[in-house]
């Protein structure tokens, strides 16, 4: 299987993952790698959006800057989502799946 453009751009930062339960890699942001205490902040980092106007259709739509979201596990880091740059907000993977990842928490 071939690598996507976002996968290639994020590859250089994967070895720096550590710390908080979630991380985002966004190549178009500085710093490219950030850690997050919850999944919501990681999603915000990847989906920071901009309005794009299509003169042909005379419509505006929002698209995202893209990146990768990771969750820390006992074995290291697990890729949760990869979002390509320019993806419409309506096509984000967690909106397509219809279910949010479960937040880590204490076991009762």
N, C-alpha and C. Protein backbone atom coordinates (compact mmCIF):
# COMPACT_ATOMS: atom_id res chain seq x y z
N UNK A 1 0.84 -1.18 0.00
CA UNK A 1 0.00 0.00 0.00
C UNK A 1 0.88 1.24 0.00
N UNK A 2 0.52 2.24 -0.77
CA UNK A 2 1.33 3.45 -0.86
C UNK A 2 1.01 4.41 0.29
N UNK A 3 1.99 5.19 0.64
CA UNK A 3 1.81 6.18 1.70
C UNK A 3 1.03 7.37 1.15
N UNK A 4 0.18 7.94 2.00
CA UNK A 4 -0.54 9.15 1.62
C UNK A 4 0.41 10.33 1.80
N UNK A 5 0.10 11.47 1.19
CA UNK A 5 0.95 12.65 1.38
C UNK A 5 1.08 13.05 2.86
N UNK A 6 0.00 12.97 3.63
CA UNK A 6 0.05 13.36 5.04
C UNK A 6 0.90 12.37 5.82
N UNK A 7 0.81 11.10 5.50
CA UNK A 7 1.62 10.09 6.18
C UNK A 7 3.11 10.36 5.99
N UNK A 8 3.51 10.71 4.78
CA UNK A 8 4.92 11.03 4.51
C UNK A 8 5.35 12.28 5.27
N UNK A 9 4.51 13.30 5.32
CA UNK A 9 4.87 14.56 6.00
C UNK A 9 4.99 14.38 7.51
N UNK A 10 4.19 13.50 8.09
CA UNK A 10 4.19 13.29 9.54
C UNK A 10 5.27 12.31 10.01
N UNK A 11 5.81 11.52 9.12
CA UNK A 11 6.74 10.45 9.48
C UNK A 11 7.94 10.93 10.29
N UNK A 12 8.50 12.07 9.96
CA UNK A 12 9.70 12.57 10.63
C UNK A 12 9.47 12.91 12.10
N UNK A 13 8.23 13.08 12.52
CA UNK A 13 7.94 13.52 13.89
C UNK A 13 7.49 12.39 14.80
N UNK A 14 7.21 11.21 14.26
CA UNK A 14 6.67 10.11 15.06
C UNK A 14 7.58 9.64 16.17
N UNK A 15 8.89 9.71 15.97
CA UNK A 15 9.82 9.23 17.01
C UNK A 15 9.89 10.17 18.21
N UNK A 16 9.26 11.33 18.14
CA UNK A 16 9.28 12.30 19.24
C UNK A 16 8.05 12.18 20.14
N UNK A 17 7.14 11.26 19.86
CA UNK A 17 5.92 11.12 20.64
C UNK A 17 6.23 10.69 22.07
N UNK A 18 5.58 11.33 23.06
CA UNK A 18 5.74 10.98 24.49
C UNK A 18 4.71 11.72 25.33
N UNK A 19 4.70 11.50 26.63
CA UNK A 19 3.95 12.32 27.56
C UNK A 19 2.47 12.14 27.70
N UNK A 20 1.69 13.11 27.29
CA UNK A 20 0.24 13.15 27.50
C UNK A 20 -0.46 11.99 26.79
N UNK A 21 -1.76 11.77 27.15
CA UNK A 21 -2.47 10.64 26.56
C UNK A 21 -2.75 10.78 25.06
N UNK A 22 -2.73 12.01 24.52
CA UNK A 22 -2.98 12.21 23.10
C UNK A 22 -1.91 13.13 22.52
N UNK A 23 -1.68 12.97 21.23
CA UNK A 23 -0.73 13.82 20.53
C UNK A 23 -1.25 14.09 19.12
N UNK A 24 -0.85 15.23 18.58
CA UNK A 24 -1.18 15.54 17.20
C UNK A 24 0.09 15.94 16.48
N UNK A 25 0.18 15.51 15.23
CA UNK A 25 1.25 15.94 14.35
C UNK A 25 0.59 16.70 13.21
N UNK A 26 0.93 17.98 13.10
CA UNK A 26 0.38 18.83 12.05
C UNK A 26 1.56 19.51 11.35
N UNK A 27 1.98 19.01 10.19
CA UNK A 27 3.16 19.55 9.53
C UNK A 27 3.08 21.04 9.18
N UNK A 28 1.87 21.58 9.00
CA UNK A 28 1.74 22.99 8.63
C UNK A 28 1.70 23.92 9.84
N UNK A 29 1.94 23.38 11.05
CA UNK A 29 1.89 24.16 12.29
C UNK A 29 3.28 24.14 12.92
N UNK A 30 3.57 25.16 13.70
CA UNK A 30 4.82 25.17 14.47
C UNK A 30 4.46 25.32 15.95
N UNK A 31 4.90 24.44 16.82
CA UNK A 31 5.64 23.22 16.55
C UNK A 31 4.74 22.17 15.89
N UNK A 32 5.33 21.30 15.13
CA UNK A 32 4.58 20.29 14.38
C UNK A 32 3.95 19.24 15.28
N UNK A 33 4.61 18.93 16.39
CA UNK A 33 4.14 17.91 17.32
C UNK A 33 3.69 18.57 18.62
N UNK A 34 2.44 18.30 19.04
CA UNK A 34 1.93 18.81 20.32
C UNK A 34 1.23 17.67 21.06
N UNK A 35 1.24 17.78 22.40
CA UNK A 35 0.60 16.80 23.27
C UNK A 35 -0.68 17.39 23.83
N UNK A 36 -1.68 16.53 24.07
CA UNK A 36 -3.00 16.98 24.52
C UNK A 36 -3.51 16.09 25.65
N UNK A 37 -4.21 16.71 26.59
CA UNK A 37 -4.78 15.97 27.71
C UNK A 37 -6.08 15.28 27.38
N UNK A 38 -6.69 15.62 26.24
CA UNK A 38 -7.94 14.96 25.84
C UNK A 38 -8.05 14.91 24.32
N UNK A 39 -8.92 14.04 23.85
CA UNK A 39 -9.08 13.82 22.41
C UNK A 39 -9.65 15.05 21.70
N UNK A 40 -10.46 15.82 22.40
CA UNK A 40 -11.06 17.01 21.79
C UNK A 40 -10.01 18.02 21.34
N UNK A 41 -9.01 18.25 22.18
CA UNK A 41 -7.93 19.19 21.82
C UNK A 41 -7.11 18.67 20.65
N UNK A 42 -6.89 17.38 20.61
CA UNK A 42 -6.14 16.80 19.50
C UNK A 42 -6.91 16.95 18.19
N UNK A 43 -8.22 16.75 18.24
CA UNK A 43 -9.04 16.92 17.04
C UNK A 43 -9.05 18.38 16.59
N UNK A 44 -9.13 19.30 17.55
CA UNK A 44 -9.11 20.73 17.20
C UNK A 44 -7.82 21.09 16.48
N UNK A 45 -6.72 20.54 16.94
CA UNK A 45 -5.42 20.85 16.34
C UNK A 45 -5.36 20.42 14.88
N UNK A 46 -5.88 19.26 14.58
CA UNK A 46 -5.84 18.73 13.22
C UNK A 46 -6.90 19.37 12.34
N UNK A 47 -8.03 19.73 12.93
CA UNK A 47 -9.15 20.22 12.12
C UNK A 47 -9.28 21.73 12.10
N UNK A 48 -8.29 22.44 12.59
CA UNK A 48 -8.33 23.90 12.45
C UNK A 48 -8.64 24.17 10.99
N UNK A 49 -9.69 24.93 10.73
CA UNK A 49 -10.16 25.03 9.36
C UNK A 49 -10.12 26.44 8.80
N UNK A 50 -10.28 26.49 7.50
CA UNK A 50 -10.32 27.76 6.79
C UNK A 50 -11.44 27.68 5.76
N UNK A 51 -11.97 28.84 5.42
CA UNK A 51 -13.01 28.91 4.41
C UNK A 51 -12.35 28.93 3.04
N UNK A 52 -12.90 28.14 2.13
CA UNK A 52 -12.42 28.10 0.76
C UNK A 52 -13.60 28.42 -0.15
N UNK A 53 -13.39 29.39 -1.04
CA UNK A 53 -14.45 29.80 -1.95
C UNK A 53 -14.20 29.20 -3.32
N UNK A 54 -15.22 28.56 -3.88
CA UNK A 54 -15.16 27.99 -5.22
C UNK A 54 -15.91 28.93 -6.14
N UNK A 55 -15.19 29.67 -6.99
CA UNK A 55 -15.80 30.65 -7.87
C UNK A 55 -16.71 30.00 -8.90
N UNK A 56 -16.38 28.78 -9.29
CA UNK A 56 -17.17 28.08 -10.30
C UNK A 56 -18.58 27.76 -9.79
N UNK A 57 -18.66 27.28 -8.56
CA UNK A 57 -19.96 26.92 -7.99
C UNK A 57 -20.56 28.04 -7.15
N UNK A 58 -19.76 29.08 -6.91
CA UNK A 58 -20.17 30.22 -6.07
C UNK A 58 -20.56 29.78 -4.65
N UNK A 59 -19.81 28.81 -4.14
CA UNK A 59 -20.08 28.31 -2.79
C UNK A 59 -18.80 28.33 -1.97
N UNK A 60 -19.00 28.52 -0.68
CA UNK A 60 -17.89 28.45 0.26
C UNK A 60 -18.01 27.16 1.06
N UNK A 61 -16.88 26.61 1.42
CA UNK A 61 -16.89 25.43 2.27
C UNK A 61 -15.68 25.51 3.18
N UNK A 62 -15.73 24.75 4.24
CA UNK A 62 -14.62 24.72 5.18
C UNK A 62 -13.80 23.47 4.91
N UNK A 63 -12.49 23.61 5.00
CA UNK A 63 -11.62 22.44 4.90
C UNK A 63 -10.58 22.54 6.00
N UNK A 64 -9.97 21.44 6.33
CA UNK A 64 -9.07 21.37 7.48
C UNK A 64 -7.61 21.32 7.05
N UNK A 65 -6.71 21.65 8.01
CA UNK A 65 -5.29 21.67 7.66
C UNK A 65 -4.66 20.29 7.66
N UNK A 66 -5.24 19.33 8.35
CA UNK A 66 -4.79 17.94 8.29
C UNK A 66 -3.66 17.60 9.25
N UNK A 67 -3.46 16.32 9.45
CA UNK A 67 -2.42 15.81 10.34
C UNK A 67 -2.80 14.44 10.86
N UNK A 68 -2.16 14.04 11.93
CA UNK A 68 -2.41 12.73 12.55
C UNK A 68 -2.69 12.90 14.04
N UNK A 69 -3.56 12.04 14.57
CA UNK A 69 -3.89 12.02 16.00
C UNK A 69 -3.49 10.66 16.54
N UNK A 70 -2.76 10.68 17.67
CA UNK A 70 -2.28 9.46 18.32
C UNK A 70 -2.82 9.37 19.74
N UNK A 71 -2.97 8.12 20.23
CA UNK A 71 -3.32 7.87 21.63
C UNK A 71 -2.21 7.00 22.22
N UNK A 72 -1.80 7.38 23.43
CA UNK A 72 -0.75 6.60 24.11
C UNK A 72 -1.37 5.34 24.68
N UNK A 73 -0.69 4.24 24.48
CA UNK A 73 -1.13 2.95 25.01
C UNK A 73 0.01 2.36 25.85
N UNK A 74 -0.23 1.24 26.46
CA UNK A 74 0.81 0.57 27.26
C UNK A 74 1.99 0.14 26.39
N UNK A 75 1.74 -0.07 25.11
CA UNK A 75 2.78 -0.53 24.19
C UNK A 75 3.41 0.59 23.37
N UNK A 76 3.02 1.82 23.60
CA UNK A 76 3.57 2.94 22.82
C UNK A 76 2.46 3.84 22.32
N UNK A 77 2.53 4.22 21.07
CA UNK A 77 1.55 5.14 20.49
C UNK A 77 0.75 4.44 19.40
N UNK A 78 -0.56 4.73 19.40
CA UNK A 78 -1.48 4.15 18.42
C UNK A 78 -2.05 5.27 17.57
N UNK A 79 -1.98 5.13 16.26
CA UNK A 79 -2.57 6.11 15.35
C UNK A 79 -4.08 5.96 15.39
N UNK A 80 -4.78 7.04 15.76
CA UNK A 80 -6.24 7.00 15.79
C UNK A 80 -6.84 7.48 14.48
N UNK A 81 -6.32 8.62 13.99
CA UNK A 81 -6.89 9.23 12.79
C UNK A 81 -5.80 9.89 11.97
N UNK A 82 -5.92 9.79 10.66
CA UNK A 82 -5.09 10.56 9.74
C UNK A 82 -6.06 11.37 8.88
N UNK A 83 -5.86 12.67 8.83
CA UNK A 83 -6.73 13.56 8.07
C UNK A 83 -5.88 14.28 7.03
N UNK A 84 -6.22 14.13 5.78
CA UNK A 84 -5.47 14.80 4.71
C UNK A 84 -5.82 16.29 4.69
N UNK A 85 -4.86 17.10 4.33
CA UNK A 85 -5.06 18.54 4.22
C UNK A 85 -6.15 18.81 3.18
N UNK A 86 -7.06 19.72 3.49
CA UNK A 86 -8.13 20.07 2.57
C UNK A 86 -9.38 19.22 2.70
N UNK A 87 -9.40 18.26 3.61
CA UNK A 87 -10.58 17.42 3.81
C UNK A 87 -11.74 18.30 4.28
N UNK A 88 -12.91 18.18 3.65
CA UNK A 88 -14.08 18.93 4.15
C UNK A 88 -14.44 18.47 5.56
N UNK A 89 -14.91 19.39 6.39
CA UNK A 89 -15.28 19.05 7.77
C UNK A 89 -16.31 17.92 7.83
N UNK A 90 -17.20 17.87 6.85
CA UNK A 90 -18.24 16.84 6.85
C UNK A 90 -17.69 15.44 6.60
N UNK A 91 -16.43 15.34 6.14
CA UNK A 91 -15.83 14.05 5.83
C UNK A 91 -14.76 13.62 6.83
N UNK A 92 -14.72 14.25 8.00
CA UNK A 92 -13.76 13.85 9.02
C UNK A 92 -14.03 12.42 9.47
N UNK A 93 -12.99 11.64 9.75
CA UNK A 93 -13.19 10.21 10.05
C UNK A 93 -14.11 9.95 11.23
N UNK A 94 -14.04 10.76 12.29
CA UNK A 94 -14.90 10.50 13.46
C UNK A 94 -16.34 10.89 13.19
N UNK A 95 -16.58 11.75 12.22
CA UNK A 95 -17.96 12.05 11.83
C UNK A 95 -18.50 10.94 10.93
N UNK A 96 -17.65 10.33 10.14
CA UNK A 96 -18.05 9.23 9.27
C UNK A 96 -18.33 7.97 10.08
N UNK A 97 -17.52 7.72 11.08
CA UNK A 97 -17.67 6.51 11.89
C UNK A 97 -18.87 6.60 12.81
N UNK A 98 -19.24 7.81 13.19
CA UNK A 98 -20.39 8.00 14.04
C UNK A 98 -20.16 7.70 15.51
N UNK A 99 -18.93 7.37 15.89
CA UNK A 99 -18.64 7.06 17.29
C UNK A 99 -17.34 7.72 17.70
N UNK A 100 -17.34 8.27 18.88
CA UNK A 100 -16.14 8.90 19.44
C UNK A 100 -15.29 7.84 20.13
N UNK A 101 -13.95 7.99 20.08
CA UNK A 101 -13.10 7.08 20.87
C UNK A 101 -13.43 7.24 22.36
N UNK A 102 -13.25 6.20 23.10
CA UNK A 102 -13.53 6.22 24.53
C UNK A 102 -12.38 6.93 25.25
N UNK A 103 -12.71 7.86 26.11
CA UNK A 103 -11.71 8.56 26.91
C UNK A 103 -11.13 7.60 27.94
N UNK A 104 -9.79 7.62 28.13
CA UNK A 104 -9.23 6.77 29.19
C UNK A 104 -9.67 7.30 30.54
N UNK A 105 -9.89 6.44 31.45
CA UNK A 105 -10.30 6.87 32.79
C UNK A 105 -10.04 5.77 33.80
N UNK A 106 -10.34 6.05 35.07
CA UNK A 106 -10.11 5.05 36.11
C UNK A 106 -11.05 3.86 35.95
N UNK A 107 -10.55 2.70 36.28
CA UNK A 107 -11.36 1.49 36.25
C UNK A 107 -12.12 1.41 37.57
N UNK A 108 -13.47 1.25 37.50
CA UNK A 108 -14.24 1.22 38.76
C UNK A 108 -13.95 0.00 39.59
